[in-house]
Amino acid sequence: KHYPLLSRQIVEFDNRKDFITREIKSYNADVICLEEVDKKDSKFFRSLYPEDEYSFSFVKKPQSSDGTSIMINKKFEVIETQVVEHTNEENKKDNLVSQIVVAKHLNKALEETYLIVATCHLKADGWTVPCGDIRLRQAKQLIDAIEKQREKLTENQEKKKNIIVLVCGDFNDHPENAPTQEFLKNPKIALKSAFPDEPYTLNQMYGYNEYWLKSVVDYVLY
């Protein structure tokens, strides 16, 4: 219904998944983060790589059919997976969760190298209701959870650890706005963008009036 000018053949997932497979595998990536993965399609994404090559985690939103997934090459051993439930000031749960995977490199030369990988899909604005304050709260909650994972890795530290933090996701917000800036300038976890000069990450046409939307809403931060 969002793309009435496109044929069903293009829109249907079964007709797109071979292209998606080729795109994902072309990067030969150690870490793969995905959002808007439908629960019914999570088995497909799990099957992209053999279980002895990549770990796979999928977390669904509480009241929606989609969620996020993280795949990590098994040159890293996953030592913890955390679901971050976002709650408001009254401690009521949002229909949104983020996830964090902590993993350790298995190469003895890199045995004290750890990954903290977080992926999220922050709340989008409604048609008439801006939700920037909600996204900012969710960003802060995810940052706090990442920082606690980093503190766990560094407590009782016998050897110097190299801790790599990756945050990947759809922030539903522009680079200059507060939720994104929270990741980039928070003193606990100041991150950098892997693609600081990307002109847009979203390029879509909506409805029958050929309304084109181009903006930066998706990020890979480290």
C-alpha atoms as a PDB file:
ATOM      1  CA  LYS A   1       0.000   0.000   0.000  1.00  0.00           C
ATOM      2  CA  HIS A   2       2.968   2.348   0.502  1.00  0.00           C
ATOM      3  CA  TYR A   3       4.241   1.774  -3.045  1.00  0.00           C
ATOM      4  CA  PRO A   4       1.175   1.610  -5.330  1.00  0.00           C
ATOM      5  CA  LEU A   5       3.167   2.544  -8.440  1.00  0.00           C
ATOM      6  CA  LEU A   6       5.335  -0.571  -8.126  1.00  0.00           C
ATOM      7  CA  SER A   7       4.279  -4.004  -9.335  1.00  0.00           C
ATOM      8  CA  ARG A   8       3.663  -6.728  -6.775  1.00  0.00           C
ATOM      9  CA  GLN A   9       6.494  -8.674  -8.403  1.00  0.00           C
ATOM     10  CA  ILE A  10       8.947  -6.034  -7.245  1.00  0.00           C
ATOM     11  CA  VAL A  11       7.414  -5.541  -3.789  1.00  0.00           C
ATOM     12  CA  GLU A  12       7.009  -9.188  -2.737  1.00  0.00           C
ATOM     13  CA  PHE A  13       9.821 -10.372  -0.467  1.00  0.00           C
ATOM     14  CA  ASP A  14      10.170 -13.735  -2.221  1.00  0.00           C
ATOM     15  CA  ASN A  15      11.071 -11.888  -5.411  1.00  0.00           C
ATOM     16  CA  ARG A  16      13.626  -9.658  -3.684  1.00  0.00           C
ATOM     17  CA  LYS A  17      15.427 -12.056  -1.370  1.00  0.00           C
ATOM     18  CA  ASP A  18      17.954 -13.297  -3.953  1.00  0.00           C
ATOM     19  CA  PHE A  19      19.027  -9.695  -4.557  1.00  0.00           C
ATOM     20  CA  ILE A  20      19.192  -9.099  -0.800  1.00  0.00           C
ATOM     21  CA  THR A  21      21.321 -12.231  -0.361  1.00  0.00           C
ATOM     22  CA  ARG A  22      23.805 -11.151  -3.018  1.00  0.00           C
ATOM     23  CA  GLU A  23      23.997  -7.640  -1.563  1.00  0.00           C
ATOM     24  CA  ILE A  24      24.685  -8.801   2.006  1.00  0.00           C
ATOM     25  CA  LYS A  25      27.241 -11.427   1.017  1.00  0.00           C
ATOM     26  CA  SER A  26      29.078  -9.037  -1.316  1.00  0.00           C
ATOM     27  CA  TYR A  27      30.469  -7.142   1.709  1.00  0.00           C
ATOM     28  CA  ASN A  28      32.163 -10.212   3.237  1.00  0.00           C
ATOM     29  CA  ALA A  29      31.444  -8.567   6.595  1.00  0.00           C
ATOM     30  CA  ASP A  30      32.338  -9.830  10.070  1.00  0.00           C
ATOM     31  CA  VAL A  31      29.330  -8.004  11.523  1.00  0.00           C
ATOM     32  CA  ILE A  32      25.917  -7.657   9.855  1.00  0.00           C
ATOM     33  CA  CYS A  33      23.120  -5.615  11.461  1.00  0.00           C
ATOM     34  CA  LEU A  34      19.615  -5.518  10.009  1.00  0.00           C
ATOM     35  CA  GLU A  35      16.409  -3.754  11.007  1.00  0.00           C
ATOM     36  CA  GLU A  36      12.803  -4.118   9.851  1.00  0.00           C
ATOM     37  CA  VAL A  37      13.318  -7.867   9.602  1.00  0.00           C
ATOM     38  CA  ASP A  38       9.883  -9.490   9.633  1.00  0.00           C
ATOM     39  CA  LYS A  39       9.549 -12.405  12.039  1.00  0.00           C
ATOM     40  CA  LYS A  40       8.346 -14.693   9.247  1.00  0.00           C
ATOM     41  CA  ASP A  41      11.503 -13.875   7.261  1.00  0.00           C
ATOM     42  CA  SER A  42      13.971 -14.288  10.143  1.00  0.00           C
ATOM     43  CA  LYS A  43      14.554 -17.949   9.205  1.00  0.00           C
ATOM     44  CA  PHE A  44      15.610 -16.824   5.738  1.00  0.00           C
ATOM     45  CA  PHE A  45      18.205 -14.424   7.159  1.00  0.00           C
ATOM     46  CA  ARG A  46      19.399 -17.054   9.621  1.00  0.00           C
ATOM     47  CA  SER A  47      19.972 -19.397   6.671  1.00  0.00           C
ATOM     48  CA  LEU A  48      22.237 -16.969   4.783  1.00  0.00           C
ATOM     49  CA  TYR A  49      25.295 -18.450   6.501  1.00  0.00           C
ATOM     50  CA  PRO A  50      25.975 -21.861   8.089  1.00  0.00           C
ATOM     51  CA  GLU A  51      25.563 -21.901  11.876  1.00  0.00           C
ATOM     52  CA  ASP A  52      29.225 -22.839  12.319  1.00  0.00           C
ATOM     53  CA  GLU A  53      30.266 -19.663  10.440  1.00  0.00           C
ATOM     54  CA  TYR A  54      28.012 -16.946  11.918  1.00  0.00           C
ATOM     55  CA  SER A  55      26.042 -16.473  15.104  1.00  0.00           C
ATOM     56  CA  PHE A  56      22.559 -15.041  14.657  1.00  0.00           C
ATOM     57  CA  SER A  57      20.203 -13.198  16.988  1.00  0.00           C
ATOM     58  CA  PHE A  58      16.763 -11.795  16.240  1.00  0.00           C
ATOM     59  CA  VAL A  59      14.701  -9.580  18.560  1.00  0.00           C
ATOM     60  CA  LYS A  60      11.110  -8.707  17.679  1.00  0.00           C
ATOM     61  CA  LYS A  61       9.292  -5.559  18.739  1.00  0.00           C
ATOM     62  CA  PRO A  62       6.657  -6.426  21.386  1.00  0.00           C
ATOM     63  CA  GLN A  63       3.642  -5.274  19.354  1.00  0.00           C
ATOM     64  CA  SER A  64       4.873  -5.536  15.768  1.00  0.00           C
ATOM     65  CA  SER A  65       5.850  -8.298  13.384  1.00  0.00           C
ATOM     66  CA  ASP A  66       9.329  -6.933  12.686  1.00  0.00           C
ATOM     67  CA  GLY A  67      12.533  -6.538  14.637  1.00  0.00           C
ATOM     68  CA  THR A  68      16.322  -6.386  14.376  1.00  0.00           C
ATOM     69  CA  SER A  69      18.984  -9.013  13.864  1.00  0.00           C
ATOM     70  CA  ILE A  70      22.735  -9.204  14.395  1.00  0.00           C
ATOM     71  CA  MET A  71      25.031 -11.702  12.679  1.00  0.00           C
ATOM     72  CA  ILE A  72      28.668 -12.045  13.765  1.00  0.00           C
ATOM     73  CA  ASN A  73      31.403 -14.152  12.182  1.00  0.00           C
ATOM     74  CA  LYS A  74      32.446 -16.962  14.505  1.00  0.00           C
ATOM     75  CA  LYS A  75      36.016 -15.748  14.551  1.00  0.00           C
ATOM     76  CA  PHE A  76      34.342 -13.942  17.477  1.00  0.00           C
ATOM     77  CA  GLU A  77      32.803 -15.869  20.360  1.00  0.00           C
ATOM     78  CA  VAL A  78      29.512 -14.388  21.588  1.00  0.00           C
ATOM     79  CA  ILE A  79      29.667 -14.048  25.358  1.00  0.00           C
ATOM     80  CA  GLU A  80      26.448 -12.111  25.999  1.00  0.00           C
ATOM     81  CA  THR A  81      23.300 -11.003  24.217  1.00  0.00           C
ATOM     82  CA  GLN A  82      21.178  -8.271  25.796  1.00  0.00           C
ATOM     83  CA  VAL A  83      17.722  -7.018  24.896  1.00  0.00           C
ATOM     84  CA  VAL A  84      17.296  -3.341  25.799  1.00  0.00           C
ATOM     85  CA  GLU A  85      13.642  -2.629  26.578  1.00  0.00           C
ATOM     86  CA  HIS A  86      12.882   1.053  26.165  1.00  0.00           C
ATOM     87  CA  THR A  87      10.590   2.529  28.808  1.00  0.00           C
ATOM     88  CA  ASN A  88       9.155   6.005  29.337  1.00  0.00           C
ATOM     89  CA  GLU A  89       9.207   8.155  32.449  1.00  0.00           C
ATOM     90  CA  GLU A  90       6.299   6.195  33.954  1.00  0.00           C
ATOM     91  CA  ASN A  91       8.303   2.988  33.348  1.00  0.00           C
ATOM     92  CA  LYS A  92       5.857   1.887  30.671  1.00  0.00           C
ATOM     93  CA  LYS A  93       7.389  -0.080  27.809  1.00  0.00           C
ATOM     94  CA  ASP A  94       7.655   1.338  24.308  1.00  0.00           C
ATOM     95  CA  ASN A  95       6.804  -0.836  21.330  1.00  0.00           C
ATOM     96  CA  LEU A  96      10.512  -0.884  20.605  1.00  0.00           C
ATOM     97  CA  VAL A  97      13.560  -2.829  21.741  1.00  0.00           C
ATOM     98  CA  SER A  98      17.237  -2.569  20.887  1.00  0.00           C
ATOM     99  CA  GLN A  99      19.768  -5.348  21.191  1.00  0.00           C
ATOM    100  CA  ILE A 100      23.427  -5.630  22.144  1.00  0.00           C
ATOM    101  CA  VAL A 101      25.799  -8.510  21.426  1.00  0.00           C
ATOM    102  CA  VAL A 102      29.154  -8.750  23.211  1.00  0.00           C
ATOM    103  CA  ALA A 103      31.776 -10.973  21.587  1.00  0.00           C
ATOM    104  CA  LYS A 104      35.456 -11.853  22.031  1.00  0.00           C
ATOM    105  CA  HIS A 105      37.959 -12.449  19.218  1.00  0.00           C
ATOM    106  CA  LEU A 106      39.173 -16.075  19.168  1.00  0.00           C
ATOM    107  CA  ASN A 107      42.530 -15.373  17.511  1.00  0.00           C
ATOM    108  CA  LYS A 108      45.178 -15.706  20.247  1.00  0.00           C
ATOM    109  CA  ALA A 109      47.051 -12.716  18.860  1.00  0.00           C
ATOM    110  CA  LEU A 110      43.838 -10.709  19.352  1.00  0.00           C
ATOM    111  CA  GLU A 111      42.483 -12.533  22.413  1.00  0.00           C
ATOM    112  CA  GLU A 112      41.845  -9.334  24.351  1.00  0.00           C
ATOM    113  CA  THR A 113      39.840  -7.764  21.514  1.00  0.00           C
ATOM    114  CA  TYR A 114      36.134  -7.463  22.213  1.00  0.00           C
ATOM    115  CA  LEU A 115      33.153  -6.260  20.208  1.00  0.00           C
ATOM    116  CA  ILE A 116      30.120  -4.507  21.639  1.00  0.00           C
ATOM    117  CA  VAL A 117      27.605  -4.424  18.778  1.00  0.00           C
ATOM    118  CA  ALA A 118      24.296  -2.593  19.196  1.00  0.00           C
ATOM    119  CA  THR A 119      21.509  -2.290  16.686  1.00  0.00           C
ATOM    120  CA  CYS A 120      18.329  -0.266  16.993  1.00  0.00           C
ATOM    121  CA  HIS A 121      15.346   1.168  15.178  1.00  0.00           C
ATOM    122  CA  LEU A 122      14.306   4.344  16.989  1.00  0.00           C
ATOM    123  CA  LYS A 123      10.713   5.549  16.950  1.00  0.00           C
ATOM    124  CA  ALA A 124       9.568   7.267  13.774  1.00  0.00           C
ATOM    125  CA  ASP A 125       7.464  10.421  13.760  1.00  0.00           C
ATOM    126  CA  GLY A 126       3.735   9.989  13.272  1.00  0.00           C
ATOM    127  CA  TRP A 127       2.035  11.769  10.397  1.00  0.00           C
ATOM    128  CA  THR A 128       1.169  14.675  12.700  1.00  0.00           C
ATOM    129  CA  VAL A 129       3.094  13.870  15.904  1.00  0.00           C
ATOM    130  CA  PRO A 130       6.864  14.522  16.125  1.00  0.00           C
ATOM    131  CA  CYS A 131       8.682  12.015  18.321  1.00  0.00           C
ATOM    132  CA  GLY A 132      12.172  13.515  18.615  1.00  0.00           C
ATOM    133  CA  ASP A 133      11.965  13.558  22.418  1.00  0.00           C
ATOM    134  CA  ILE A 134      11.135   9.847  22.459  1.00  0.00           C
ATOM    135  CA  ARG A 135      14.049   9.039  20.135  1.00  0.00           C
ATOM    136  CA  LEU A 136      16.393  11.080  22.337  1.00  0.00           C
ATOM    137  CA  ARG A 137      15.300   9.100  25.413  1.00  0.00           C
ATOM    138  CA  GLN A 138      15.749   5.822  23.544  1.00  0.00           C
ATOM    139  CA  ALA A 139      19.230   6.881  22.391  1.00  0.00           C
ATOM    140  CA  LYS A 140      20.239   7.698  25.971  1.00  0.00           C
ATOM    141  CA  GLN A 141      18.884   4.369  27.232  1.00  0.00           C
ATOM    142  CA  LEU A 142      20.851   2.443  24.613  1.00  0.00           C
ATOM    143  CA  ILE A 143      24.034   4.408  25.363  1.00  0.00           C
ATOM    144  CA  ASP A 144      23.660   3.655  29.095  1.00  0.00           C
ATOM    145  CA  ALA A 145      23.292  -0.062  28.323  1.00  0.00           C
ATOM    146  CA  ILE A 146      26.380  -0.044  26.079  1.00  0.00           C
ATOM    147  CA  GLU A 147      28.382   1.762  28.740  1.00  0.00           C
ATOM    148  CA  LYS A 148      27.397  -0.820  31.366  1.00  0.00           C
ATOM    149  CA  GLN A 149      28.576  -3.591  29.051  1.00  0.00           C
ATOM    150  CA  ARG A 150      31.896  -1.788  28.603  1.00  0.00           C
ATOM    151  CA  GLU A 151      32.244  -1.372  32.381  1.00  0.00           C
ATOM    152  CA  LYS A 152      31.690  -5.111  32.847  1.00  0.00           C
ATOM    153  CA  LEU A 153      34.487  -5.871  30.414  1.00  0.00           C
ATOM    154  CA  THR A 154      36.932  -3.542  32.138  1.00  0.00           C
ATOM    155  CA  GLU A 155      36.237  -4.427  35.797  1.00  0.00           C
ATOM    156  CA  ASN A 156      38.922  -6.566  37.426  1.00  0.00           C
ATOM    157  CA  GLN A 157      40.955  -6.064  34.252  1.00  0.00           C
ATOM    158  CA  GLU A 158      44.130  -8.135  34.348  1.00  0.00           C
ATOM    159  CA  LYS A 159      45.152  -7.466  30.758  1.00  0.00           C
ATOM    160  CA  LYS A 160      44.590  -4.384  28.646  1.00  0.00           C
ATOM    161  CA  LYS A 161      41.466  -4.950  26.547  1.00  0.00           C
ATOM    162  CA  ASN A 162      40.772  -3.510  23.132  1.00  0.00           C
ATOM    163  CA  ILE A 163      37.031  -2.819  23.117  1.00  0.00           C
ATOM    164  CA  ILE A 164      35.410  -1.946  19.794  1.00  0.00           C
ATOM    165  CA  VAL A 165      31.918  -0.417  19.954  1.00  0.00           C
ATOM    166  CA  LEU A 166      29.629  -0.491  16.914  1.00  0.00           C
ATOM    167  CA  VAL A 167      26.158   1.059  16.789  1.00  0.00           C
ATOM    168  CA  CYS A 168      24.129   0.400  13.644  1.00  0.00           C
ATOM    169  CA  GLY A 169      20.546   1.292  12.998  1.00  0.00           C
ATOM    170  CA  ASP A 170      17.724   3.392  11.707  1.00  0.00           C
ATOM    171  CA  PHE A 171      17.600   6.441  13.977  1.00  0.00           C
ATOM    172  CA  ASN A 172      14.702   7.978  12.013  1.00  0.00           C
ATOM    173  CA  ASP A 173      16.444  11.329  12.445  1.00  0.00           C
ATOM    174  CA  HIS A 174      18.872  13.638  10.706  1.00  0.00           C
ATOM    175  CA  PRO A 175      22.566  13.911  11.674  1.00  0.00           C
ATOM    176  CA  GLU A 176      22.235  17.384  13.199  1.00  0.00           C
ATOM    177  CA  ASN A 177      19.264  16.506  15.441  1.00  0.00           C
ATOM    178  CA  ALA A 178      19.490  15.659  19.142  1.00  0.00           C
ATOM    179  CA  PRO A 179      19.052  11.833  19.034  1.00  0.00           C
ATOM    180  CA  THR A 180      21.885  11.366  16.532  1.00  0.00           C
ATOM    181  CA  GLN A 181      24.048  13.982  18.239  1.00  0.00           C
ATOM    182  CA  GLU A 182      23.601  12.081  21.505  1.00  0.00           C
ATOM    183  CA  PHE A 183      25.545   9.177  20.000  1.00  0.00           C
ATOM    184  CA  LEU A 184      28.146  11.439  18.412  1.00  0.00           C
ATOM    185  CA  LYS A 185      28.813  13.761  21.364  1.00  0.00           C
ATOM    186  CA  ASN A 186      27.806  11.905  24.535  1.00  0.00           C
ATOM    187  CA  PRO A 187      30.915  12.079  26.789  1.00  0.00           C
ATOM    188  CA  LYS A 188      30.483   8.446  27.849  1.00  0.00           C
ATOM    189  CA  ILE A 189      30.622   6.967  24.388  1.00  0.00           C
ATOM    190  CA  ALA A 190      31.409   9.617  21.743  1.00  0.00           C
ATOM    191  CA  LEU A 191      31.238   7.770  18.426  1.00  0.00           C
ATOM    192  CA  LYS A 192      32.185   8.597  14.857  1.00  0.00           C
ATOM    193  CA  SER A 193      30.210   7.973  11.701  1.00  0.00           C
ATOM    194  CA  ALA A 194      31.669   5.493   9.242  1.00  0.00           C
ATOM    195  CA  PHE A 195      29.982   7.501   6.465  1.00  0.00           C
ATOM    196  CA  PRO A 196      30.047  11.157   7.577  1.00  0.00           C
ATOM    197  CA  ASP A 197      29.508  12.583   4.097  1.00  0.00           C
ATOM    198  CA  GLU A 198      26.712  10.277   2.942  1.00  0.00           C
ATOM    199  CA  PRO A 199      24.161  12.534   1.150  1.00  0.00           C
ATOM    200  CA  TYR A 200      21.226  10.242   1.987  1.00  0.00           C
ATOM    201  CA  THR A 201      20.539   6.704   3.164  1.00  0.00           C
ATOM    202  CA  LEU A 202      16.813   6.740   2.404  1.00  0.00           C
ATOM    203  CA  ASN A 203      15.596   7.193  -1.179  1.00  0.00           C
ATOM    204  CA  GLN A 204      11.955   6.242  -1.539  1.00  0.00           C
ATOM    205  CA  MET A 205       8.878   7.222  -3.511  1.00  0.00           C
ATOM    206  CA  TYR A 206       5.543   7.190  -1.703  1.00  0.00           C
ATOM    207  CA  GLY A 207       1.951   7.188  -2.866  1.00  0.00           C
ATOM    208  CA  TYR A 208       0.437   8.023  -6.243  1.00  0.00           C
ATOM    209  CA  ASN A 209       1.867  11.540  -6.468  1.00  0.00           C
ATOM    210  CA  GLU A 210       5.490  10.390  -6.854  1.00  0.00           C
ATOM    211  CA  TYR A 211       6.525  11.989  -3.588  1.00  0.00           C
ATOM    212  CA  TRP A 212      10.260  11.381  -3.290  1.00  0.00           C
ATOM    213  CA  LEU A 213      11.881  11.266   0.134  1.00  0.00           C
ATOM    214  CA  LYS A 214      15.654  11.511   0.390  1.00  0.00           C
ATOM    215  CA  SER A 215      17.341  11.898   3.776  1.00  0.00           C
ATOM    216  CA  VAL A 216      19.952  10.468   6.140  1.00  0.00           C
ATOM    217  CA  VAL A 217      18.261   8.292   8.764  1.00  0.00           C
ATOM    218  CA  ASP A 218      20.456   5.156   8.898  1.00  0.00           C
ATOM    219  CA  TYR A 219      23.883   5.046  10.568  1.00  0.00           C
ATOM    220  CA  VAL A 220      26.978   2.957  11.125  1.00  0.00           C
ATOM    221  CA  LEU A 221      28.840   4.450  14.106  1.00  0.00           C
ATOM    222  CA  TYR A 222      32.035   3.245  15.757  1.00  0.00           C
END
